Amino acid sequence: MPQPELDERKRACHHAWTTFVEQGDAAEPMVRPEILTSWARSEAAITPEIQAAPLADESETTSIWRDSPLQVAVERVESELRRTAEDGDLVLAVTDADTRILWTYGGRVMRRKAESVNFVAGGRWDDESVGTNALDLANRLGEPAMVFSAEHYASIVHNWVCWAAPVLDPVSGRRLGVIDLSTTWDRSHPIGLATARVMARLIETALPPSAQHTGAGPLDDTGDPGLVMTLLGTAEVRLDGQRLLLNRRQTEVLALLALHPEGLSLDQLHALVYGDQAVTFSTLKAEVSHLRAALGGQLSSRPYRLTMPVATDVEHVLALVRRGRVAAAVDAYGGDLLPGTNSPALAELGEYVAVAVREALLADPQPDAVLRYAERAPYDTAVIERCLAVLGDTAHPAKPLLKGRLAAATT
């Protein structure tokens, strides 16, 4: 964003904040509803002149972090997180479900700034402890959030911009915490929120699954972390946190086995993978044999069945839709299921997932979720039109963007 626009935005935020501090609800037309709600929560609990976030007990914080699923995941992708922080001179933080920071890493400049306000392990960053911020909003609302400059309630972070996204258990959908990216307000960039979403997804794919993909209950904590498959949009397969290099057909076979925990006979698997294509059973057996070796033998025969914990983003998205968590489902929906697949079963499932997400949005067209959906389905004008119809004459910051998306899709 050009510097003059950032300067003007900062002035507008500070004016709104000052109006709220001095006149309360008179600031309502000036800020997003979620910011105003959080300001009210903050005002009831703290003073805007608070100097630093309160710190939780150090030993308790260490105990919560040690050997937790989040620690396992962060350590698996730590080099990528650190690179992001250093390249953008950001400070990154991962919290627990109570918005207590468990891990941070910062570029040189931001690290010093973060330490001065207790944006460190043990810092409590819920809005009732330190005022409005992106970590708290993302955690409470269950969707990515940005807080810019004086949108923060506490003046100590008026020079910051923060982007945060929830980190969810890939199987249960349970919120584990958030990841936040923060820097100075003048370095604000439109890609910040998307980067937070990507970082959250990166951590989620590295998490040890907490339950079988059947949802039958928690895994034995001593068991293997298992298989995590990203199938929507860009395909990625990880076993115990390590990426597997598979060809397209092997990915399709593995996806079908992951989505059929009860197991499949050779005939069933062949039909689901190839349909009416003239492909021999020997060809399929060779693919299965390769997969068995790649999975360390954790693929049984008669029927073919995976014998480790499995999580897929397909089941995660559908579970969120079933629970009515539309915004979270859109966040987790990466796009078409294995685009261009020749498997009739996977093509049919992909259509089912796409329709499920779309129908959920039509029933509950949350503006921010519709905007994110439009990034993946830019020509689905019906969803945008439905959202604008529901908003009617209501003032909402997403309306100009929605109208712009609609105009771009129809020209």
Protein backbone atom coordinates (compact mmCIF):
# COMPACT_ATOMS: atom_id res chain seq x y z
CA MET A 1 0.00 0.00 0.00
CA PRO A 2 1.45 3.45 -0.89
CA GLN A 3 2.82 5.38 2.08
CA PRO A 4 0.33 8.31 1.82
CA GLU A 5 -2.56 5.84 2.05
CA LEU A 6 -0.96 4.16 5.06
CA ASP A 7 -0.43 7.52 6.73
CA GLU A 8 -4.08 8.45 6.19
CA ARG A 9 -5.24 5.08 7.45
CA LYS A 10 -3.13 5.46 10.58
CA ARG A 11 -4.59 8.93 11.23
CA ALA A 12 -8.13 7.61 10.79
CA CYS A 13 -7.49 4.73 13.20
CA HIS A 14 -6.04 7.06 15.81
CA HIS A 15 -9.01 9.43 15.46
CA ALA A 16 -11.43 6.54 15.95
CA TRP A 17 -9.48 5.28 18.97
CA THR A 18 -9.39 8.73 20.56
CA THR A 19 -13.11 9.14 19.95
CA PHE A 20 -13.80 5.81 21.65
CA VAL A 21 -11.59 6.56 24.65
CA GLU A 22 -13.25 9.95 25.12
CA GLN A 23 -16.81 9.32 23.91
CA GLY A 24 -17.35 5.57 23.80
CA ASP A 25 -19.93 4.43 21.23
CA ALA A 26 -19.55 7.63 19.23
CA ALA A 27 -16.72 5.77 17.47
CA GLU A 28 -19.09 3.11 16.12
CA PRO A 29 -19.27 4.41 12.51
CA MET A 30 -15.49 4.69 12.35
CA VAL A 31 -14.36 1.11 13.00
CA ARG A 32 -15.15 -2.48 12.15
CA PRO A 33 -17.76 -4.09 14.45
CA GLU A 34 -15.31 -6.67 15.79
CA ILE A 35 -12.85 -3.94 16.74
CA LEU A 36 -15.52 -1.93 18.56
CA THR A 37 -16.68 -5.04 20.45
CA SER A 38 -13.13 -5.83 21.47
CA TRP A 39 -12.48 -2.24 22.53
CA ALA A 40 -15.49 -2.47 24.84
CA ARG A 41 -14.19 -5.74 26.31
CA SER A 42 -10.75 -4.19 26.74
CA GLU A 43 -12.09 -1.01 28.34
CA ALA A 44 -13.88 -3.03 31.00
CA ALA A 45 -10.67 -4.82 31.97
CA ILE A 46 -7.60 -2.61 31.42
CA THR A 47 -6.41 0.92 30.83
CA PRO A 48 -5.23 1.89 27.31
CA GLU A 49 -1.97 3.07 28.90
CA ILE A 50 -0.99 -0.49 29.94
CA GLN A 51 2.77 -0.83 29.46
CA ALA A 52 3.14 -4.54 28.66
CA ALA A 53 1.20 -7.77 28.50
CA PRO A 54 1.02 -9.69 31.78
CA LEU A 55 3.17 -12.80 31.99
CA ALA A 56 1.88 -16.23 32.93
CA ASP A 57 3.88 -18.49 35.21
CA GLU A 58 7.06 -19.45 33.37
CA SER A 59 7.15 -23.07 34.52
CA GLU A 60 3.48 -23.53 33.64
CA THR A 61 4.02 -22.10 30.16
CA THR A 62 7.02 -24.37 29.61
CA SER A 63 5.02 -27.38 30.79
CA ILE A 64 2.15 -26.63 28.40
CA TRP A 65 4.51 -26.18 25.46
CA ARG A 66 6.81 -29.13 26.09
CA ASP A 67 5.93 -32.19 23.98
CA SER A 68 2.59 -30.64 22.97
CA PRO A 69 1.22 -31.18 19.44
CA LEU A 70 1.97 -27.53 18.71
CA GLN A 71 5.60 -27.90 19.75
CA VAL A 72 5.96 -30.98 17.56
CA ALA A 73 4.46 -29.15 14.58
CA VAL A 74 6.40 -25.91 15.04
CA GLU A 75 9.69 -27.77 15.34
CA ARG A 76 8.95 -29.62 12.11
CA VAL A 77 8.44 -26.39 10.15
CA GLU A 78 10.57 -24.05 12.26
CA SER A 79 13.08 -23.32 9.51
CA GLU A 80 10.27 -22.06 7.26
CA LEU A 81 8.77 -19.96 10.05
CA ARG A 82 12.13 -18.42 10.90
CA ARG A 83 12.83 -17.65 7.24
CA THR A 84 9.50 -15.83 6.96
CA ALA A 85 10.27 -13.77 10.05
CA GLU A 86 13.76 -12.85 8.89
CA ASP A 87 12.79 -12.04 5.30
CA GLY A 88 9.99 -9.71 6.38
CA ASP A 89 11.53 -8.44 9.64
CA LEU A 90 8.49 -9.83 11.44
CA VAL A 91 7.98 -11.30 14.85
CA LEU A 92 6.05 -14.57 14.75
CA ALA A 93 4.17 -16.00 17.71
CA VAL A 94 2.27 -19.21 18.34
CA THR A 95 -0.25 -19.25 21.20
CA ASP A 96 -2.37 -21.78 23.03
CA ALA A 97 -6.17 -21.76 23.01
CA ASP A 98 -6.16 -19.11 25.77
CA THR A 99 -4.06 -16.71 23.64
CA ARG A 100 -1.00 -17.24 25.81
CA ILE A 101 2.17 -17.08 23.71
CA LEU A 102 4.08 -20.37 23.73
CA TRP A 103 6.73 -19.70 21.06
CA THR A 104 8.13 -16.66 19.28
CA TYR A 105 10.79 -15.84 16.76
CA GLY A 106 11.62 -12.38 15.45
CA GLY A 107 13.76 -10.50 13.03
CA ARG A 108 16.38 -8.27 14.62
CA VAL A 109 14.33 -5.06 14.90
CA MET A 110 10.97 -6.57 15.75
CA ARG A 111 12.43 -8.94 18.33
CA ARG A 112 13.55 -5.99 20.47
CA LYS A 113 10.18 -4.28 20.10
CA ALA A 114 8.38 -7.48 21.01
CA GLU A 115 10.41 -8.05 24.15
CA SER A 116 9.67 -4.53 25.38
CA VAL A 117 5.90 -5.26 25.53
CA ASN A 118 6.13 -8.92 26.65
CA PHE A 119 5.30 -10.29 23.23
CA VAL A 120 7.27 -13.31 24.38
CA ALA A 121 6.63 -16.84 25.63
CA GLY A 122 4.25 -16.59 28.57
CA GLY A 123 2.75 -13.27 27.46
CA ARG A 124 -1.03 -13.19 27.79
CA TRP A 125 -2.49 -11.60 24.67
CA ASP A 126 -6.22 -12.02 25.16
CA ASP A 127 -7.96 -8.64 24.88
CA GLU A 128 -8.92 -8.55 28.56
CA SER A 129 -5.23 -8.84 29.48
CA VAL A 130 -3.61 -6.48 26.99
CA GLY A 131 -6.37 -5.02 24.80
CA THR A 132 -7.58 -5.51 21.25
CA ASN A 133 -5.12 -7.36 19.00
CA ALA A 134 -5.16 -9.78 16.06
CA LEU A 135 -4.21 -12.83 18.16
CA ASP A 136 -7.28 -12.43 20.34
CA LEU A 137 -9.63 -11.69 17.43
CA ALA A 138 -8.46 -14.72 15.44
CA ASN A 139 -8.78 -16.94 18.49
CA ARG A 140 -12.22 -15.74 19.58
CA LEU A 141 -13.77 -15.41 16.11
CA GLY A 142 -12.18 -18.54 14.67
CA GLU A 143 -11.01 -16.83 11.49
CA PRO A 144 -7.97 -14.83 10.30
CA ALA A 145 -7.79 -11.27 11.61
CA MET A 146 -5.75 -8.11 11.10
CA VAL A 147 -5.35 -5.24 13.54
CA PHE A 148 -3.66 -2.08 12.26
CA SER A 149 -2.05 0.67 14.33
CA ALA A 150 -4.54 2.33 16.72
CA GLU A 151 -7.09 -0.41 16.13
CA HIS A 152 -5.09 -1.93 18.98
CA TYR A 153 -6.64 -0.78 22.25
CA ALA A 154 -3.32 -0.46 24.09
CA SER A 155 -1.24 2.50 22.94
CA ILE A 156 2.00 0.51 23.39
CA VAL A 157 1.28 -1.29 20.09
CA HIS A 158 -0.20 1.57 18.07
CA ASN A 159 2.93 1.42 15.91
CA TRP A 160 2.26 -2.23 15.03
CA VAL A 161 0.27 -4.10 12.43
CA CYS A 162 -0.61 -7.70 13.24
CA TRP A 163 -2.06 -10.56 11.22
CA ALA A 164 -3.19 -13.77 12.89
CA ALA A 165 -4.91 -17.01 11.88
CA PRO A 166 -6.28 -19.89 13.96
CA VAL A 167 -4.42 -23.19 14.10
CA LEU A 168 -6.90 -26.08 14.10
CA ASP A 169 -6.56 -29.77 14.81
CA PRO A 170 -6.74 -31.37 11.32
CA VAL A 171 -9.10 -34.10 12.52
CA SER A 172 -11.40 -32.69 15.17
CA GLY A 173 -11.39 -29.05 14.07
CA ARG A 174 -10.58 -28.09 17.67
CA ARG A 175 -8.85 -24.72 17.96
CA LEU A 176 -5.35 -25.20 19.35
CA GLY A 177 -4.29 -21.56 19.26
CA VAL A 178 -3.20 -19.02 16.67
CA ILE A 179 -0.14 -17.95 14.74
CA ASP A 180 0.51 -14.22 14.54
CA LEU A 181 2.79 -12.16 12.31
CA SER A 182 3.57 -8.62 13.50
CA THR A 183 5.65 -5.73 12.24
CA THR A 184 5.56 -1.92 12.27
CA TRP A 185 2.49 -0.22 10.79
CA ASP A 186 4.43 1.37 7.94
CA ARG A 187 5.35 -2.10 6.65
CA SER A 188 1.71 -3.13 6.28
CA HIS A 189 1.05 -5.14 3.13
CA PRO A 190 -2.10 -6.67 1.62
CA ILE A 191 -0.45 -10.09 1.55
CA GLY A 192 -0.05 -10.15 5.35
CA LEU A 193 -3.35 -11.88 6.09
CA ALA A 194 -2.83 -14.46 3.37
CA THR A 195 0.64 -15.17 4.77
CA ALA A 196 -0.82 -15.78 8.22
CA ARG A 197 -3.30 -18.24 6.73
CA VAL A 198 -0.49 -20.05 4.91
CA MET A 199 1.61 -20.25 8.06
CA ALA A 200 -1.37 -21.66 10.01
CA ARG A 201 -1.95 -24.24 7.31
CA LEU A 202 1.75 -25.14 7.35
CA ILE A 203 1.61 -25.83 11.09
CA GLU A 204 -1.64 -27.78 10.75
CA THR A 205 -0.16 -30.12 8.14
CA ALA A 206 2.75 -30.84 10.50
CA LEU A 207 0.56 -31.57 13.54
CA PRO A 208 0.44 -35.11 14.87
CA PRO A 209 -3.22 -36.15 14.37
CA SER A 210 -5.16 -36.29 17.63
CA ALA A 211 -7.77 -38.75 16.40
CA GLN A 212 -8.32 -41.33 13.70
CA HIS A 213 -9.94 -39.91 10.61
CA THR A 214 -13.04 -41.86 11.56
CA GLY A 215 -13.42 -39.53 14.53
CA ALA A 216 -13.57 -42.55 16.84
CA GLY A 217 -11.63 -40.88 19.62
CA PRO A 218 -8.16 -39.72 20.64
CA LEU A 219 -5.07 -41.51 19.51
CA ASP A 220 -2.73 -43.12 21.94
CA ASP A 221 -0.24 -40.33 22.65
CA THR A 222 2.58 -42.81 22.22
CA GLY A 223 1.46 -43.76 18.70
CA ASP A 224 2.93 -42.55 15.42
CA PRO A 225 1.91 -39.06 14.31
CA GLY A 226 0.61 -40.62 11.09
CA LEU A 227 -0.39 -39.48 7.63
CA VAL A 228 -1.63 -35.97 6.77
CA MET A 229 -2.96 -35.38 3.26
CA THR A 230 -3.70 -32.04 1.65
CA LEU A 231 -5.85 -32.77 -1.40
CA LEU A 232 -7.76 -29.53 -2.01
CA GLY A 233 -5.89 -27.21 -4.34
CA THR A 234 -2.25 -28.26 -4.18
CA ALA A 235 -1.65 -31.89 -3.21
CA GLU A 236 0.79 -32.66 -0.43
CA VAL A 237 1.33 -35.84 1.59
CA ARG A 238 3.26 -35.96 4.86
CA LEU A 239 4.10 -39.02 6.92
CA ASP A 240 5.23 -38.28 10.48
CA GLY A 241 5.89 -34.73 9.35
CA GLN A 242 8.09 -35.70 6.39
CA ARG A 243 6.86 -34.96 2.89
CA LEU A 244 6.39 -38.00 0.63
CA LEU A 245 7.27 -37.65 -3.03
CA LEU A 246 4.55 -39.52 -4.91
CA ASN A 247 3.39 -39.39 -8.49
CA ARG A 248 -0.16 -38.34 -9.32
CA ARG A 249 -1.61 -41.84 -9.54
CA GLN A 250 0.00 -42.91 -6.27
CA THR A 251 -1.49 -39.83 -4.61
CA GLU A 252 -4.92 -40.76 -5.98
CA VAL A 253 -4.65 -44.33 -4.69
CA LEU A 254 -3.49 -43.15 -1.29
CA ALA A 255 -6.27 -40.55 -1.12
CA LEU A 256 -8.92 -43.21 -1.76
CA LEU A 257 -7.47 -45.46 0.92
CA ALA A 258 -7.36 -42.53 3.35
CA LEU A 259 -11.01 -41.75 2.63
CA HIS A 260 -12.09 -45.39 3.08
CA PRO A 261 -10.79 -46.36 6.52
CA GLU A 262 -12.76 -49.62 6.41
CA GLY A 263 -10.53 -50.81 3.58
CA LEU A 264 -11.05 -51.66 -0.10
CA SER A 265 -10.74 -54.87 -2.06
CA LEU A 266 -8.58 -54.94 -5.18
CA ASP A 267 -11.70 -54.78 -7.37
CA GLN A 268 -13.17 -51.86 -5.42
CA LEU A 269 -9.96 -49.86 -5.44
CA HIS A 270 -9.48 -50.50 -9.17
CA ALA A 271 -12.99 -49.23 -9.95
CA LEU A 272 -12.55 -46.11 -7.81
CA VAL A 273 -9.16 -45.26 -9.30
CA TYR A 274 -9.63 -46.16 -12.97
CA GLY A 275 -13.37 -46.44 -13.62
CA ASP A 276 -13.82 -47.92 -17.10
CA GLN A 277 -10.22 -47.35 -18.18
CA ALA A 278 -8.43 -50.40 -19.58
CA VAL A 279 -5.79 -50.68 -16.86
CA THR A 280 -4.63 -54.04 -15.56
CA PHE A 281 -4.82 -55.14 -11.94
CA SER A 282 -1.06 -55.68 -12.08
CA THR A 283 -0.55 -51.96 -12.69
CA LEU A 284 -2.61 -51.11 -9.60
CA LYS A 285 -0.78 -53.72 -7.51
CA ALA A 286 2.52 -52.13 -8.51
CA GLU A 287 1.29 -48.70 -7.34
CA VAL A 288 0.11 -50.20 -4.04
CA SER A 289 3.44 -51.94 -3.59
CA HIS A 290 5.28 -48.64 -4.04
CA LEU A 291 2.97 -46.97 -1.52
CA ARG A 292 3.48 -49.74 1.02
CA ALA A 293 7.23 -49.21 0.82
CA ALA A 294 6.85 -45.41 1.11
CA LEU A 295 4.60 -45.85 4.17
CA GLY A 296 7.01 -48.19 5.93
CA GLY A 297 4.68 -51.16 5.49
CA GLN A 298 1.67 -49.47 7.09
CA LEU A 299 -0.69 -50.59 4.32
CA SER A 300 -2.33 -53.98 4.80
CA SER A 301 -3.81 -56.30 2.15
CA ARG A 302 -7.15 -58.10 1.82
CA PRO A 303 -8.58 -55.55 2.09
CA TYR A 304 -6.14 -52.77 1.27
CA ARG A 305 -6.24 -50.56 4.37
CA LEU A 306 -4.02 -47.93 5.99
CA THR A 307 -2.89 -48.93 9.46
CA MET A 308 -1.79 -45.57 10.84
CA PRO A 309 -3.69 -42.44 11.94
CA VAL A 310 -4.82 -40.44 8.91
CA ALA A 311 -6.10 -36.89 8.48
CA THR A 312 -7.25 -35.22 5.26
CA ASP A 313 -8.28 -31.65 4.55
CA VAL A 314 -11.33 -33.05 2.73
CA GLU A 315 -12.78 -34.50 5.92
CA HIS A 316 -11.71 -31.44 7.88
CA VAL A 317 -13.63 -29.09 5.55
CA LEU A 318 -16.73 -31.28 5.55
CA ALA A 319 -16.64 -31.53 9.36
CA LEU A 320 -16.50 -27.74 9.64
CA VAL A 321 -19.44 -27.38 7.23
CA ARG A 322 -21.47 -29.88 9.24
CA ARG A 323 -20.81 -27.90 12.42
CA GLY A 324 -21.88 -24.64 10.77
CA ARG A 325 -18.39 -23.12 10.92
CA VAL A 326 -18.63 -21.62 7.45
CA ALA A 327 -15.75 -19.12 7.68
CA ALA A 328 -13.37 -21.78 8.99
CA ALA A 329 -14.50 -24.19 6.26
CA VAL A 330 -13.74 -21.59 3.58
CA ASP A 331 -10.31 -20.98 5.12
CA ALA A 332 -9.55 -24.69 5.02
CA TYR A 333 -10.93 -25.13 1.49
CA GLY A 334 -7.88 -24.87 -0.74
CA GLY A 335 -9.74 -25.37 -4.02
CA ASP A 336 -10.68 -28.25 -6.28
CA LEU A 337 -9.84 -31.75 -5.11
CA LEU A 338 -6.78 -32.93 -7.11
CA PRO A 339 -7.65 -30.76 -10.14
CA GLY A 340 -7.69 -32.77 -13.36
CA THR A 341 -7.92 -36.14 -11.64
CA ASN A 342 -8.92 -39.09 -13.84
CA SER A 343 -10.36 -40.99 -10.88
CA PRO A 344 -14.15 -40.93 -11.20
CA ALA A 345 -14.56 -41.40 -7.45
CA LEU A 346 -12.29 -38.48 -6.58
CA ALA A 347 -13.89 -36.26 -9.24
CA GLU A 348 -17.31 -36.99 -7.75
CA LEU A 349 -16.06 -36.33 -4.21
CA GLY A 350 -14.45 -33.07 -5.33
CA GLU A 351 -17.75 -31.91 -6.74
CA TYR A 352 -19.50 -32.85 -3.49
CA VAL A 353 -17.03 -30.84 -1.37
CA ALA A 354 -17.26 -27.81 -3.68
CA VAL A 355 -21.06 -27.88 -3.56
CA ALA A 356 -21.07 -28.32 0.24
CA VAL A 357 -18.89 -25.23 0.76
CA ARG A 358 -20.89 -23.22 -1.77
CA GLU A 359 -24.26 -24.17 -0.27
CA ALA A 360 -22.98 -23.30 3.21
CA LEU A 361 -21.97 -19.85 1.98
CA LEU A 362 -25.29 -19.29 0.24
CA ALA A 363 -27.06 -20.15 3.49
CA ASP A 364 -24.72 -18.02 5.64
CA PRO A 365 -22.91 -15.52 3.37
CA GLN A 366 -20.41 -14.03 5.82
CA PRO A 367 -18.73 -11.19 3.86
CA ASP A 368 -15.11 -11.96 4.73
CA ALA A 369 -15.65 -15.65 4.01
CA VAL A 370 -17.29 -14.83 0.67
CA LEU A 371 -14.29 -12.68 -0.27
CA ARG A 372 -11.91 -15.53 0.52
CA TYR A 373 -14.10 -17.95 -1.43
CA ALA A 374 -14.08 -15.57 -4.39
CA GLU A 375 -10.29 -15.86 -4.53
CA ARG A 376 -10.71 -19.58 -5.29
CA ALA A 377 -13.92 -19.39 -7.34
CA PRO A 378 -13.78 -15.93 -8.98
CA TYR A 379 -16.63 -16.60 -11.42
CA ASP A 380 -19.17 -17.86 -8.88
CA THR A 381 -21.15 -14.63 -8.95
CA ALA A 382 -24.21 -16.13 -7.26
CA VAL A 383 -22.43 -16.32 -3.89
CA ILE A 384 -21.28 -12.69 -4.11
CA GLU A 385 -24.73 -11.53 -5.20
CA ARG A 386 -26.33 -13.42 -2.32
CA CYS A 387 -23.94 -11.78 0.15
CA LEU A 388 -24.62 -8.29 -1.18
CA ALA A 389 -28.36 -8.95 -1.04
CA VAL A 390 -28.14 -9.98 2.61
CA LEU A 391 -26.04 -6.92 3.46
CA GLY A 392 -28.57 -4.66 1.74
CA ASP A 393 -28.02 -1.05 2.77
CA THR A 394 -25.92 -2.03 5.79
CA ALA A 395 -22.53 -0.34 5.93
CA HIS A 396 -19.82 -2.98 5.82
CA PRO A 397 -16.13 -2.56 4.90
CA ALA A 398 -16.31 -5.62 2.64
CA LYS A 399 -19.03 -4.22 0.36
CA PRO A 400 -16.72 -2.27 -2.01
CA LEU A 401 -14.49 -5.32 -2.38
CA LEU A 402 -17.48 -7.57 -3.01
CA LYS A 403 -18.81 -5.20 -5.67
CA GLY A 404 -15.37 -5.05 -7.24
CA ARG A 405 -15.19 -8.85 -7.36
CA LEU A 406 -18.63 -8.99 -8.92
CA ALA A 407 -17.74 -6.40 -11.56
CA ALA A 408 -14.51 -8.24 -12.42
CA ALA A 409 -16.36 -11.54 -12.81
CA THR A 410 -19.05 -10.12 -15.08
CA THR A 411 -16.90 -8.08 -17.46
